[in-house]
């Protein structure tokens, strides 16, 4: 896995831990199930990005196959989200906050991760 994806994953774990601690510290234990399930689902969704990136950059990447895999991933994520929110009755606000950890981690990686190239004087 590329350094950039590793940093995003590390930032995402740290953000999820901070969200969990803040949820408990503020006394919103009822939202903890949503925060954890949303965060874990967001991180699981993110883990497919490095593989898709490698396939996209490969010379023999089939566009049709990649489109079908992306659609299947979208349907799976939508189905799991609906199952968690409507059947398991997790907190919707907690779920949204937990799922938002990956975009926050991507932003933090962009700010603090660097480009990986040395700066020219």
PDB file of N, CA and C in Angstrom:
ATOM      1  N   UNK A   1       0.848  -1.170   0.000  1.00  0.00           N
ATOM      2  CA  UNK A   1       0.000   0.000   0.000  1.00  0.00           C
ATOM      3  C   UNK A   1       0.897   1.238   0.000  1.00  0.00           C
ATOM      4  N   UNK A   2       0.510   2.217  -0.743  1.00  0.00           N
ATOM      5  CA  UNK A   2       1.277   3.456  -0.848  1.00  0.00           C
ATOM      6  C   UNK A   2       1.301   4.226   0.470  1.00  0.00           C
ATOM      7  N   UNK A   3       2.334   5.030   0.658  1.00  0.00           N
ATOM      8  CA  UNK A   3       2.496   5.819   1.877  1.00  0.00           C
ATOM      9  C   UNK A   3       1.280   6.714   2.123  1.00  0.00           C
ATOM     10  N   UNK A   4       0.766   7.299   1.066  1.00  0.00           N
ATOM     11  CA  UNK A   4      -0.382   8.206   1.185  1.00  0.00           C
ATOM     12  C   UNK A   4      -1.603   7.487   1.765  1.00  0.00           C
ATOM     13  N   UNK A   5      -1.883   6.285   1.290  1.00  0.00           N
ATOM     14  CA  UNK A   5      -3.031   5.532   1.781  1.00  0.00           C
ATOM     15  C   UNK A   5      -2.820   5.080   3.221  1.00  0.00           C
ATOM     16  N   UNK A   6      -1.582   4.731   3.573  1.00  0.00           N
ATOM     17  CA  UNK A   6      -1.290   4.353   4.955  1.00  0.00           C
ATOM     18  C   UNK A   6      -1.519   5.525   5.898  1.00  0.00           C
ATOM     19  N   UNK A   7      -1.083   6.716   5.489  1.00  0.00           N
ATOM     20  CA  UNK A   7      -1.293   7.894   6.324  1.00  0.00           C
ATOM     21  C   UNK A   7      -2.783   8.201   6.500  1.00  0.00           C
ATOM     22  N   UNK A   8      -3.528   8.088   5.438  1.00  0.00           N
ATOM     23  CA  UNK A   8      -4.970   8.338   5.523  1.00  0.00           C
ATOM     24  C   UNK A   8      -5.617   7.335   6.473  1.00  0.00           C
ATOM     25  N   UNK A   9      -5.210   6.077   6.395  1.00  0.00           N
ATOM     26  CA  UNK A   9      -5.776   5.066   7.284  1.00  0.00           C
ATOM     27  C   UNK A   9      -5.410   5.358   8.739  1.00  0.00           C
ATOM     28  N   UNK A  10      -4.167   5.748   8.990  1.00  0.00           N
ATOM     29  CA  UNK A  10      -3.742   6.074  10.354  1.00  0.00           C
ATOM     30  C   UNK A  10      -4.518   7.277  10.881  1.00  0.00           C
ATOM     31  N   UNK A  11      -4.634   8.338  10.072  1.00  0.00           N
ATOM     32  CA  UNK A  11      -5.414   9.509  10.485  1.00  0.00           C
ATOM     33  C   UNK A  11      -6.862   9.123  10.761  1.00  0.00           C
ATOM     34  N   UNK A  12      -7.417   8.232   9.955  1.00  0.00           N
ATOM     35  CA  UNK A  12      -8.801   7.809  10.134  1.00  0.00           C
ATOM     36  C   UNK A  12      -8.987   7.065  11.452  1.00  0.00           C
ATOM     37  N   UNK A  13      -8.036   6.206  11.809  1.00  0.00           N
ATOM     38  CA  UNK A  13      -8.117   5.483  13.087  1.00  0.00           C
ATOM     39  C   UNK A  13      -8.030   6.466  14.253  1.00  0.00           C
ATOM     40  N   UNK A  14      -7.140   7.453  14.152  1.00  0.00           N
ATOM     41  CA  UNK A  14      -6.980   8.443  15.216  1.00  0.00           C
ATOM     42  C   UNK A  14      -8.255   9.279  15.359  1.00  0.00           C
ATOM     43  N   UNK A  15      -8.829   9.697  14.247  1.00  0.00           N
ATOM     44  CA  UNK A  15     -10.063  10.489  14.287  1.00  0.00           C
ATOM     45  C   UNK A  15     -11.207   9.676  14.882  1.00  0.00           C
ATOM     46  N   UNK A  16     -11.305   8.391  14.508  1.00  0.00           N
ATOM     47  CA  UNK A  16     -12.360   7.548  15.058  1.00  0.00           C
ATOM     48  C   UNK A  16     -12.185   7.373  16.566  1.00  0.00           C
ATOM     49  N   UNK A  17     -10.957   7.222  17.010  1.00  0.00           N
ATOM     50  CA  UNK A  17     -10.700   7.109  18.451  1.00  0.00           C
ATOM     51  C   UNK A  17     -11.085   8.408  19.164  1.00  0.00           C
ATOM     52  N   UNK A  18     -10.754   9.541  18.559  1.00  0.00           N
ATOM     53  CA  UNK A  18     -11.105  10.829  19.160  1.00  0.00           C
ATOM     54  C   UNK A  18     -12.622  11.022  19.197  1.00  0.00           C
ATOM     55  N   UNK A  19     -13.309  10.632  18.135  1.00  0.00           N
ATOM     56  CA  UNK A  19     -14.772  10.739  18.117  1.00  0.00           C
ATOM     57  C   UNK A  19     -15.405   9.840  19.182  1.00  0.00           C
ATOM     58  N   UNK A  20     -14.868   8.649  19.333  1.00  0.00           N
ATOM     59  CA  UNK A  20     -15.382   7.727  20.340  1.00  0.00           C
ATOM     60  C   UNK A  20     -15.177   8.297  21.740  1.00  0.00           C
ATOM     61  N   UNK A  21     -13.980   8.809  21.993  1.00  0.00           N
ATOM     62  CA  UNK A  21     -13.691   9.393  23.307  1.00  0.00           C
ATOM     63  C   UNK A  21     -14.569  10.611  23.577  1.00  0.00           C
ATOM     64  N   UNK A  22     -14.757  11.457  22.560  1.00  0.00           N
ATOM     65  CA  UNK A  22     -15.592  12.649  22.733  1.00  0.00           C
ATOM     66  C   UNK A  22     -17.052  12.267  22.969  1.00  0.00           C
ATOM     67  N   UNK A  23     -17.516  11.245  22.272  1.00  0.00           N
ATOM     68  CA  UNK A  23     -18.889  10.786  22.467  1.00  0.00           C
ATOM     69  C   UNK A  23     -19.118  10.306  23.899  1.00  0.00           C
ATOM     70  N   UNK A  24     -18.165   9.556  24.403  1.00  0.00           N
ATOM     71  CA  UNK A  24     -18.290   9.066  25.780  1.00  0.00           C
ATOM     72  C   UNK A  24     -18.110  10.187  26.791  1.00  0.00           C
ATOM     73  N   UNK A  25     -17.171  11.099  26.537  1.00  0.00           N
ATOM     74  CA  UNK A  25     -16.904  12.186  27.485  1.00  0.00           C
ATOM     75  C   UNK A  25     -18.084  13.140  27.610  1.00  0.00           C
ATOM     76  N   UNK A  26     -18.804  13.341  26.532  1.00  0.00           N
ATOM     77  CA  UNK A  26     -19.940  14.261  26.572  1.00  0.00           C
ATOM     78  C   UNK A  26     -21.223  13.591  27.041  1.00  0.00           C
ATOM     79  N   UNK A  27     -21.150  12.292  27.320  1.00  0.00           N
ATOM     80  CA  UNK A  27     -22.309  11.600  27.854  1.00  0.00           C
ATOM     81  C   UNK A  27     -23.304  11.140  26.808  1.00  0.00           C
ATOM     82  N   UNK A  28     -22.890  11.032  25.573  1.00  0.00           N
ATOM     83  CA  UNK A  28     -23.778  10.577  24.506  1.00  0.00           C
ATOM     84  C   UNK A  28     -23.512   9.111  24.179  1.00  0.00           C
ATOM     85  N   UNK A  29     -23.533   8.269  25.173  1.00  0.00           N
ATOM     86  CA  UNK A  29     -23.245   6.846  24.962  1.00  0.00           C
ATOM     87  C   UNK A  29     -24.256   6.198  24.019  1.00  0.00           C
ATOM     88  N   UNK A  30     -25.438   6.768  23.903  1.00  0.00           N
ATOM     89  CA  UNK A  30     -26.443   6.233  22.986  1.00  0.00           C
ATOM     90  C   UNK A  30     -26.060   6.394  21.524  1.00  0.00           C
ATOM     91  N   UNK A  31     -25.163   7.310  21.237  1.00  0.00           N
ATOM     92  CA  UNK A  31     -24.708   7.528  19.866  1.00  0.00           C
ATOM     93  C   UNK A  31     -23.442   6.746  19.551  1.00  0.00           C
ATOM     94  N   UNK A  32     -22.883   6.066  20.529  1.00  0.00           N
ATOM     95  CA  UNK A  32     -21.616   5.364  20.339  1.00  0.00           C
ATOM     96  C   UNK A  32     -21.725   4.264  19.285  1.00  0.00           C
ATOM     97  N   UNK A  33     -22.845   3.551  19.260  1.00  0.00           N
ATOM     98  CA  UNK A  33     -22.999   2.496  18.256  1.00  0.00           C
ATOM     99  C   UNK A  33     -22.979   3.074  16.842  1.00  0.00           C
ATOM    100  N   UNK A  34     -23.571   4.235  16.646  1.00  0.00           N
ATOM    101  CA  UNK A  34     -23.556   4.872  15.336  1.00  0.00           C
ATOM    102  C   UNK A  34     -22.177   5.362  14.946  1.00  0.00           C
ATOM    103  N   UNK A  35     -21.462   5.947  15.904  1.00  0.00           N
ATOM    104  CA  UNK A  35     -20.115   6.453  15.620  1.00  0.00           C
ATOM    105  C   UNK A  35     -19.199   5.305  15.215  1.00  0.00           C
ATOM    106  N   UNK A  36     -19.237   4.229  15.982  1.00  0.00           N
ATOM    107  CA  UNK A  36     -18.355   3.099  15.678  1.00  0.00           C
ATOM    108  C   UNK A  36     -18.743   2.389  14.383  1.00  0.00           C
ATOM    109  N   UNK A  37     -20.030   2.155  14.170  1.00  0.00           N
ATOM    110  CA  UNK A  37     -20.431   1.462  12.947  1.00  0.00           C
ATOM    111  C   UNK A  37     -20.193   2.335  11.715  1.00  0.00           C
ATOM    112  N   UNK A  38     -20.460   3.625  11.815  1.00  0.00           N
ATOM    113  CA  UNK A  38     -20.190   4.514  10.684  1.00  0.00           C
ATOM    114  C   UNK A  38     -18.704   4.628  10.397  1.00  0.00           C
ATOM    115  N   UNK A  39     -17.906   4.743  11.442  1.00  0.00           N
ATOM    116  CA  UNK A  39     -16.462   4.845  11.257  1.00  0.00           C
ATOM    117  C   UNK A  39     -15.861   3.586  10.671  1.00  0.00           C
ATOM    118  N   UNK A  40     -16.286   2.438  11.167  1.00  0.00           N
ATOM    119  CA  UNK A  40     -15.745   1.182  10.641  1.00  0.00           C
ATOM    120  C   UNK A  40     -16.203   0.927   9.213  1.00  0.00           C
ATOM    121  N   UNK A  41     -17.438   1.285   8.898  1.00  0.00           N
ATOM    122  CA  UNK A  41     -17.910   1.122   7.521  1.00  0.00           C
ATOM    123  C   UNK A  41     -17.185   2.075   6.579  1.00  0.00           C
ATOM    124  N   UNK A  42     -16.930   3.296   7.037  1.00  0.00           N
ATOM    125  CA  UNK A  42     -16.179   4.240   6.218  1.00  0.00           C
ATOM    126  C   UNK A  42     -14.758   3.774   5.967  1.00  0.00           C
ATOM    127  N   UNK A  43     -14.112   3.227   7.001  1.00  0.00           N
ATOM    128  CA  UNK A  43     -12.750   2.732   6.826  1.00  0.00           C
ATOM    129  C   UNK A  43     -12.724   1.485   5.944  1.00  0.00           C
ATOM    130  N   UNK A  44     -13.719   0.633   6.064  1.00  0.00           N
ATOM    131  CA  UNK A  44     -13.793  -0.543   5.198  1.00  0.00           C
ATOM    132  C   UNK A  44     -13.991  -0.123   3.743  1.00  0.00           C
ATOM    133  N   UNK A  45     -14.786   0.902   3.539  1.00  0.00           N
ATOM    134  CA  UNK A  45     -14.978   1.423   2.190  1.00  0.00           C
ATOM    135  C   UNK A  45     -13.678   1.997   1.641  1.00  0.00           C
ATOM    136  N   UNK A  46     -12.933   2.677   2.518  1.00  0.00           N
ATOM    137  CA  UNK A  46     -11.669   3.280   2.090  1.00  0.00           C
ATOM    138  C   UNK A  46     -10.635   2.233   1.705  1.00  0.00           C
ATOM    139  N   UNK A  47     -10.651   1.077   2.336  1.00  0.00           N
ATOM    140  CA  UNK A  47      -9.638   0.060   2.056  1.00  0.00           C
ATOM    141  C   UNK A  47      -9.687  -0.439   0.618  1.00  0.00           C
ATOM    142  N   UNK A  48     -10.785  -0.241  -0.068  1.00  0.00           N
ATOM    143  CA  UNK A  48     -10.866  -0.635  -1.473  1.00  0.00           C
ATOM    144  C   UNK A  48     -10.212   0.358  -2.423  1.00  0.00           C
ATOM    145  N   UNK A  49      -9.957   1.581  -1.964  1.00  0.00           N
ATOM    146  CA  UNK A  49      -9.371   2.605  -2.829  1.00  0.00           C
ATOM    147  C   UNK A  49      -7.973   2.273  -3.335  1.00  0.00           C
ATOM    148  N   UNK A  50      -7.048   1.806  -2.486  1.00  0.00           N
ATOM    149  CA  UNK A  50      -5.709   1.508  -3.011  1.00  0.00           C
ATOM    150  C   UNK A  50      -5.723   0.448  -4.102  1.00  0.00           C
ATOM    151  N   UNK A  51      -6.573  -0.569  -3.936  1.00  0.00           N
ATOM    152  CA  UNK A  51      -6.675  -1.608  -4.949  1.00  0.00           C
ATOM    153  C   UNK A  51      -7.244  -1.046  -6.252  1.00  0.00           C
ATOM    154  N   UNK A  52      -8.278  -0.220  -6.137  1.00  0.00           N
ATOM    155  CA  UNK A  52      -8.858   0.400  -7.327  1.00  0.00           C
ATOM    156  C   UNK A  52      -7.849   1.332  -8.000  1.00  0.00           C
ATOM    157  N   UNK A  53      -7.047   2.021  -7.207  1.00  0.00           N
ATOM    158  CA  UNK A  53      -6.017   2.918  -7.743  1.00  0.00           C
ATOM    159  C   UNK A  53      -4.984   2.130  -8.534  1.00  0.00           C
ATOM    160  N   UNK A  54      -4.550   0.998  -7.993  1.00  0.00           N
ATOM    161  CA  UNK A  54      -3.574   0.165  -8.706  1.00  0.00           C
ATOM    162  C   UNK A  54      -4.150  -0.358 -10.009  1.00  0.00           C
ATOM    163  N   UNK A  55      -5.402  -0.787  -9.962  1.00  0.00           N
ATOM    164  CA  UNK A  55      -6.034  -1.306 -11.180  1.00  0.00           C
ATOM    165  C   UNK A  55      -6.215  -0.212 -12.223  1.00  0.00           C
ATOM    166  N   UNK A  56      -6.552   0.978 -11.757  1.00  0.00           N
ATOM    167  CA  UNK A  56      -6.766   2.079 -12.687  1.00  0.00           C
ATOM    168  C   UNK A  56      -5.472   2.474 -13.390  1.00  0.00           C
ATOM    169  N   UNK A  57      -4.360   2.413 -12.657  1.00  0.00           N
ATOM    170  CA  UNK A  57      -3.073   2.789 -13.224  1.00  0.00           C
ATOM    171  C   UNK A  57      -2.424   1.670 -14.034  1.00  0.00           C
ATOM    172  N   UNK A  58      -2.968   0.476 -13.970  1.00  0.00           N
ATOM    173  CA  UNK A  58      -2.413  -0.646 -14.723  1.00  0.00           C
ATOM    174  C   UNK A  58      -2.725  -0.489 -16.204  1.00  0.00           C
ATOM    175  N   UNK A  59      -1.890  -1.070 -17.015  1.00  0.00           N
ATOM    176  CA  UNK A  59      -2.078  -0.971 -18.470  1.00  0.00           C
ATOM    177  C   UNK A  59      -3.270  -1.779 -18.960  1.00  0.00           C
ATOM    178  N   UNK A  60      -3.565  -2.870 -18.281  1.00  0.00           N
ATOM    179  CA  UNK A  60      -4.638  -3.748 -18.745  1.00  0.00           C
ATOM    180  C   UNK A  60      -5.939  -3.569 -17.970  1.00  0.00           C
ATOM    181  N   UNK A  61      -6.171  -2.382 -17.452  1.00  0.00           N
ATOM    182  CA  UNK A  61      -7.377  -2.122 -16.666  1.00  0.00           C
ATOM    183  C   UNK A  61      -8.603  -2.117 -17.575  1.00  0.00           C
ATOM    184  N   UNK A  62      -9.532  -3.016 -17.293  1.00  0.00           N
ATOM    185  CA  UNK A  62     -10.764  -3.072 -18.063  1.00  0.00           C
ATOM    186  C   UNK A  62     -11.787  -2.123 -17.476  1.00  0.00           C
ATOM    187  N   UNK A  63     -12.210  -1.143 -18.251  1.00  0.00           N
ATOM    188  CA  UNK A  63     -13.130  -0.126 -17.739  1.00  0.00           C
ATOM    189  C   UNK A  63     -14.483  -0.731 -17.363  1.00  0.00           C
ATOM    190  N   UNK A  64     -14.946  -1.676 -18.142  1.00  0.00           N
ATOM    191  CA  UNK A  64     -16.239  -2.286 -17.864  1.00  0.00           C
ATOM    192  C   UNK A  64     -16.245  -3.063 -16.559  1.00  0.00           C
ATOM    193  N   UNK A  65     -15.176  -3.818 -16.329  1.00  0.00           N
ATOM    194  CA  UNK A  65     -15.069  -4.591 -15.091  1.00  0.00           C
ATOM    195  C   UNK A  65     -14.957  -3.668 -13.885  1.00  0.00           C
ATOM    196  N   UNK A  66     -14.187  -2.604 -14.021  1.00  0.00           N
ATOM    197  CA  UNK A  66     -14.035  -1.669 -12.908  1.00  0.00           C
ATOM    198  C   UNK A  66     -15.350  -0.970 -12.591  1.00  0.00           C
ATOM    199  N   UNK A  67     -16.126  -0.651 -13.619  1.00  0.00           N
ATOM    200  CA  UNK A  67     -17.419  -0.016 -13.408  1.00  0.00           C
ATOM    201  C   UNK A  67     -18.372  -0.946 -12.664  1.00  0.00           C
ATOM    202  N   UNK A  68     -18.391  -2.210 -13.049  1.00  0.00           N
ATOM    203  CA  UNK A  68     -19.256  -3.172 -12.383  1.00  0.00           C
ATOM    204  C   UNK A  68     -18.845  -3.355 -10.927  1.00  0.00           C
ATOM    205  N   UNK A  69     -17.531  -3.426 -10.662  1.00  0.00           N
ATOM    206  CA  UNK A  69     -17.055  -3.557  -9.284  1.00  0.00           C
ATOM    207  C   UNK A  69     -17.400  -2.316  -8.459  1.00  0.00           C
ATOM    208  N   UNK A  70     -17.292  -1.135  -9.054  1.00  0.00           N
ATOM    209  CA  UNK A  70     -17.642   0.096  -8.339  1.00  0.00           C
ATOM    210  C   UNK A  70     -19.137   0.130  -8.016  1.00  0.00           C
ATOM    211  N   UNK A  71     -19.959  -0.290  -8.944  1.00  0.00           N
ATOM    212  CA  UNK A  71     -21.405  -0.327  -8.699  1.00  0.00           C
ATOM    213  C   UNK A  71     -21.760  -1.345  -7.619  1.00  0.00           C
ATOM    214  N   UNK A  72     -21.081  -2.503  -7.649  1.00  0.00           N
ATOM    215  CA  UNK A  72     -21.332  -3.512  -6.612  1.00  0.00           C
ATOM    216  C   UNK A  72     -20.914  -2.994  -5.239  1.00  0.00           C
ATOM    217  N   UNK A  73     -19.806  -2.265  -5.183  1.00  0.00           N
ATOM    218  CA  UNK A  73     -19.348  -1.684  -3.918  1.00  0.00           C
ATOM    219  C   UNK A  73     -20.365  -0.655  -3.417  1.00  0.00           C
ATOM    220  N   UNK A  74     -20.875   0.172  -4.314  1.00  0.00           N
ATOM    221  CA  UNK A  74     -21.865   1.178  -3.937  1.00  0.00           C
ATOM    222  C   UNK A  74     -23.134   0.517  -3.398  1.00  0.00           C
ATOM    223  N   UNK A  75     -23.615  -0.510  -4.060  1.00  0.00           N
ATOM    224  CA  UNK A  75     -24.820  -1.204  -3.622  1.00  0.00           C
ATOM    225  C   UNK A  75     -24.583  -1.875  -2.270  1.00  0.00           C
ATOM    226  N   UNK A  76     -23.407  -2.471  -2.079  1.00  0.00           N
ATOM    227  CA  UNK A  76     -23.085  -3.103  -0.807  1.00  0.00           C
ATOM    228  C   UNK A  76     -23.028  -2.075   0.320  1.00  0.00           C
ATOM    229  N   UNK A  77     -22.377  -0.935   0.083  1.00  0.00           N
ATOM    230  CA  UNK A  77     -22.313   0.106   1.107  1.00  0.00           C
ATOM    231  C   UNK A  77     -23.696   0.670   1.423  1.00  0.00           C
ATOM    232  N   UNK A  78     -24.491   0.897   0.396  1.00  0.00           N
ATOM    233  CA  UNK A  78     -25.844   1.396   0.607  1.00  0.00           C
ATOM    234  C   UNK A  78     -26.672   0.395   1.393  1.00  0.00           C
ATOM    235  N   UNK A  79     -26.553  -0.876   1.039  1.00  0.00           N
ATOM    236  CA  UNK A  79     -27.305  -1.913   1.743  1.00  0.00           C
ATOM    237  C   UNK A  79     -26.887  -2.039   3.197  1.00  0.00           C
ATOM    238  N   UNK A  80     -25.578  -2.001   3.467  1.00  0.00           N
ATOM    239  CA  UNK A  80     -25.111  -2.075   4.847  1.00  0.00           C
ATOM    240  C   UNK A  80     -25.544  -0.851   5.652  1.00  0.00           C
ATOM    241  N   UNK A  81     -25.498   0.312   5.028  1.00  0.00           N
ATOM    242  CA  UNK A  81     -25.943   1.529   5.705  1.00  0.00           C
ATOM    243  C   UNK A  81     -27.428   1.442   6.048  1.00  0.00           C
ATOM    244  N   UNK A  82     -28.237   1.013   5.097  1.00  0.00           N
ATOM    245  CA  UNK A  82     -29.673   0.877   5.344  1.00  0.00           C
ATOM    246  C   UNK A  82     -29.939  -0.162   6.425  1.00  0.00           C
ATOM    247  N   UNK A  83     -29.204  -1.258   6.395  1.00  0.00           N
ATOM    248  CA  UNK A  83     -29.369  -2.298   7.409  1.00  0.00           C
ATOM    249  C   UNK A  83     -29.027  -1.772   8.799  1.00  0.00           C
ATOM    250  N   UNK A  84     -27.924  -1.047   8.906  1.00  0.00           N
ATOM    251  CA  UNK A  84     -27.514  -0.515  10.206  1.00  0.00           C
ATOM    252  C   UNK A  84     -28.473   0.552  10.730  1.00  0.00           C
ATOM    253  N   UNK A  85     -28.893   1.457   9.850  1.00  0.00           N
ATOM    254  CA  UNK A  85     -29.718   2.578  10.300  1.00  0.00           C
ATOM    255  C   UNK A  85     -31.169   2.169  10.532  1.00  0.00           C
ATOM    256  N   UNK A  86     -31.737   1.386   9.625  1.00  0.00           N
ATOM    257  CA  UNK A  86     -33.167   1.096   9.721  1.00  0.00           C
ATOM    258  C   UNK A  86     -33.486  -0.193  10.470  1.00  0.00           C
ATOM    259  N   UNK A  87     -32.622  -1.194  10.379  1.00  0.00           N
ATOM    260  CA  UNK A  87     -32.910  -2.462  11.044  1.00  0.00           C
ATOM    261  C   UNK A  87     -32.265  -2.507  12.429  1.00  0.00           C
ATOM    262  N   UNK A  88     -30.958  -2.198  12.493  1.00  0.00           N
ATOM    263  CA  UNK A  88     -30.257  -2.246  13.780  1.00  0.00           C
ATOM    264  C   UNK A  88     -30.521  -0.999  14.621  1.00  0.00           C
ATOM    265  N   UNK A  89     -31.110   0.018  14.002  1.00  0.00           N
ATOM    266  CA  UNK A  89     -31.494   1.265  14.697  1.00  0.00           C
ATOM    267  C   UNK A  89     -30.318   1.964  15.390  1.00  0.00           C
ATOM    268  N   UNK A  90     -29.164   2.032  14.678  1.00  0.00           N
ATOM    269  CA  UNK A  90     -28.052   2.802  15.238  1.00  0.00           C
ATOM    270  C   UNK A  90     -28.375   4.282  15.092  1.00  0.00           C
ATOM    271  N   UNK A  91     -27.703   5.081  15.868  1.00  0.00           N
ATOM    272  CA  UNK A  91     -27.928   6.523  15.845  1.00  0.00           C
ATOM    273  C   UNK A  91     -27.511   7.097  14.493  1.00  0.00           C
ATOM    274  N   UNK A  92     -28.431   7.773  13.829  1.00  0.00           N
ATOM    275  CA  UNK A  92     -28.149   8.325  12.505  1.00  0.00           C
ATOM    276  C   UNK A  92     -27.094   9.434  12.573  1.00  0.00           C
ATOM    277  N   UNK A  93     -27.182  10.286  13.582  1.00  0.00           N
ATOM    278  CA  UNK A  93     -26.196  11.363  13.721  1.00  0.00           C
ATOM    279  C   UNK A  93     -24.821  10.807  14.069  1.00  0.00           C
ATOM    280  N   UNK A  94     -24.784   9.797  14.926  1.00  0.00           N
ATOM    281  CA  UNK A  94     -23.521   9.149  15.246  1.00  0.00           C
ATOM    282  C   UNK A  94     -22.932   8.450  14.037  1.00  0.00           C
ATOM    283  N   UNK A  95     -23.795   7.823  13.238  1.00  0.00           N
ATOM    284  CA  UNK A  95     -23.339   7.137  12.031  1.00  0.00           C
ATOM    285  C   UNK A  95     -22.726   8.128  11.043  1.00  0.00           C
ATOM    286  N   UNK A  96     -23.391   9.260  10.858  1.00  0.00           N
ATOM    287  CA  UNK A  96     -22.871  10.274   9.934  1.00  0.00           C
ATOM    288  C   UNK A  96     -21.536  10.839  10.431  1.00  0.00           C
ATOM    289  N   UNK A  97     -21.446  11.070  11.738  1.00  0.00           N
ATOM    290  CA  UNK A  97     -20.190  11.580  12.293  1.00  0.00           C
ATOM    291  C   UNK A  97     -19.075  10.556  12.148  1.00  0.00           C
ATOM    292  N   UNK A  98     -19.368   9.296  12.392  1.00  0.00           N
ATOM    293  CA  UNK A  98     -18.360   8.256  12.249  1.00  0.00           C
ATOM    294  C   UNK A  98     -17.930   8.063  10.811  1.00  0.00           C
ATOM    295  N   UNK A  99     -18.885   8.096   9.889  1.00  0.00           N
ATOM    296  CA  UNK A  99     -18.564   7.905   8.476  1.00  0.00           C
ATOM    297  C   UNK A  99     -17.743   9.070   7.929  1.00  0.00           C
ATOM    298  N   UNK A 100     -17.889  10.234   8.540  1.00  0.00           N
ATOM    299  CA  UNK A 100     -17.172  11.423   8.076  1.00  0.00           C
ATOM    300  C   UNK A 100     -15.699  11.409   8.462  1.00  0.00           C
ATOM    301  N   UNK A 101     -15.243  10.395   9.180  1.00  0.00           N
ATOM    302  CA  UNK A 101     -13.835  10.389   9.574  1.00  0.00           C
ATOM    303  C   UNK A 101     -12.904  10.198   8.387  1.00  0.00           C
ATOM    304  N   UNK A 102     -13.315   9.496   7.360  1.00  0.00           N
ATOM    305  CA  UNK A 102     -12.434   9.267   6.211  1.00  0.00           C
ATOM    306  C   UNK A 102     -12.209  10.559   5.411  1.00  0.00           C
ATOM    307  N   UNK A 103     -13.243  11.349   5.062  1.00  0.00           N
ATOM    308  CA  UNK A 103     -12.950  12.622   4.386  1.00  0.00           C
ATOM    309  C   UNK A 103     -12.083  13.557   5.234  1.00  0.00           C
ATOM    310  N   UNK A 104     -12.297  13.549   6.541  1.00  0.00           N
ATOM    311  CA  UNK A 104     -11.432  14.352   7.412  1.00  0.00           C
ATOM    312  C   UNK A 104      -9.995  13.853   7.364  1.00  0.00           C
ATOM    313  N   UNK A 105      -9.820  12.551   7.363  1.00  0.00           N
ATOM    314  CA  UNK A 105      -8.476  11.971   7.302  1.00  0.00           C
ATOM    315  C   UNK A 105      -7.795  12.294   5.971  1.00  0.00           C
ATOM    316  N   UNK A 106      -8.564  12.306   4.891  1.00  0.00           N
ATOM    317  CA  UNK A 106      -7.993  12.652   3.582  1.00  0.00           C
ATOM    318  C   UNK A 106      -7.539  14.108   3.589  1.00  0.00           C
ATOM    319  N   UNK A 107      -8.337  14.974   4.187  1.00  0.00           N
ATOM    320  CA  UNK A 107      -7.943  16.380   4.294  1.00  0.00           C
ATOM    321  C   UNK A 107      -6.704  16.561   5.154  1.00  0.00           C
ATOM    322  N   UNK A 108      -6.630  15.852   6.281  1.00  0.00           N
ATOM    323  CA  UNK A 108      -5.452  15.946   7.136  1.00  0.00           C
ATOM    324  C   UNK A 108      -4.201  15.424   6.433  1.00  0.00           C
ATOM    325  N   UNK A 109      -4.352  14.374   5.658  1.00  0.00           N
ATOM    326  CA  UNK A 109      -3.203  13.853   4.920  1.00  0.00           C
ATOM    327  C   UNK A 109      -2.723  14.870   3.894  1.00  0.00           C
ATOM    328  N   UNK A 110      -3.653  15.564   3.284  1.00  0.00           N
ATOM    329  CA  UNK A 110      -3.276  16.594   2.321  1.00  0.00           C
ATOM    330  C   UNK A 110      -2.537  17.753   2.967  1.00  0.00           C
ATOM    331  N   UNK A 111      -2.912  18.081   4.192  1.00  0.00           N
ATOM    332  CA  UNK A 111      -2.273  19.196   4.896  1.00  0.00           C
ATOM    333  C   UNK A 111      -0.945  18.782   5.520  1.00  0.00           C
ATOM    334  N   UNK A 112      -0.934  17.649   6.217  1.00  0.00           N
ATOM    335  CA  UNK A 112       0.246  17.256   6.986  1.00  0.00           C
ATOM    336  C   UNK A 112       1.075  16.150   6.346  1.00  0.00           C
ATOM    337  N   UNK A 113       0.547  15.488   5.338  1.00  0.00           N
ATOM    338  CA  UNK A 113       1.247  14.341   4.776  1.00  0.00           C
ATOM    339  C   UNK A 113       2.394  14.684   3.863  1.00  0.00           C
ATOM    340  N   UNK A 114       2.388  15.854   3.285  1.00  0.00           N
ATOM    341  CA  UNK A 114       3.438  16.217   2.343  1.00  0.00           C
ATOM    342  C   UNK A 114       3.234  15.519   1.017  1.00  0.00           C
ATOM    343  N   UNK A 115       3.974  15.938   0.030  1.00  0.00           N
ATOM    344  CA  UNK A 115       3.824  15.355  -1.305  1.00  0.00           C
ATOM    345  C   UNK A 115       4.750  14.175  -1.519  1.00  0.00           C
ATOM    346  N   UNK A 116       5.690  13.947  -0.616  1.00  0.00           N
ATOM    347  CA  UNK A 116       6.636  12.852  -0.790  1.00  0.00           C
ATOM    348  C   UNK A 116       7.827  13.245  -1.626  1.00  0.00           C
ATOM    349  N   UNK A 117       7.849  14.465  -2.141  1.00  0.00           N
ATOM    350  CA  UNK A 117       8.963  14.946  -2.954  1.00  0.00           C
ATOM    351  C   UNK A 117       9.730  15.974  -2.144  1.00  0.00           C
ATOM    352  N   UNK A 118      11.024  16.005  -2.373  1.00  0.00           N
ATOM    353  CA  UNK A 118      11.865  17.005  -1.710  1.00  0.00           C
ATOM    354  C   UNK A 118      11.650  18.364  -2.357  1.00  0.00           C
ATOM    355  N   UNK A 119      11.630  19.398  -1.540  1.00  0.00           N
ATOM    356  CA  UNK A 119      11.450  20.757  -2.058  1.00  0.00           C
ATOM    357  C   UNK A 119      12.754  21.279  -2.645  1.00  0.00           C
ATOM    358  N   UNK A 120      12.639  21.955  -3.744  1.00  0.00           N
ATOM    359  CA  UNK A 120      13.800  22.553  -4.400  1.00  0.00           C
ATOM    360  C   UNK A 120      14.122  23.886  -3.725  1.00  0.00           C
ATOM    361  N   UNK A 121      15.422  24.196  -3.483  1.00  0.00           N
ATOM    362  CA  UNK A 121      15.763  25.491  -2.871  1.00  0.00           C
ATOM    363  C   UNK A 121      15.562  26.642  -3.818  1.00  0.00           C
TER     364      UNK A 121
END
